[in-house]
Amino acid sequence: MKKINFKKSEISNDFSQNIGYSSNYSKKLVNDLLDCMIENICNSDLKLKNFGSFKIISKSKRIGRNPKTKEEFIIQSRKSLKFTPSKGFLNLLNDN
C-alpha cells in the first residue's frame, strides 16, 4: 500500500534521491514552490495546465450537529479551497 500523507521533508528527500539535487536545494525548491502556489491562490485562482485548478470558495454560516449527542451548534462562515483536476489528469487516473 502506498503512503497517503507526505511531509515536505519527504518530498524534498525524494527529489534529492531521484533527481540528484542536494538536500538543501531540494528543500528550498519545495518550499519556494509551495509558497508561490499559496501566494497565487490567495490573490486569485491558480490554474496549472495539465494538472488542475485551485479556487477559493466561501461557505456561509450554517447549523451543524454532533452526531453522537445530537447537540446543535453554529458553524461560522469561512473560506475553503476547491481543487478541480484537468481532463488530462482525470484520464491518467482512470487509465490506471
Foldseek 3Di string as FASTA:
>chain_A
DDDDDDDLLVQLVVCCVPVVDDSVVSSVVSVVVVVVCVVVQVVAKDADPQFWIKHKDKDAKDWDADVVPRDIDIDHIDIDIDTDTDPNVVVVVVVD
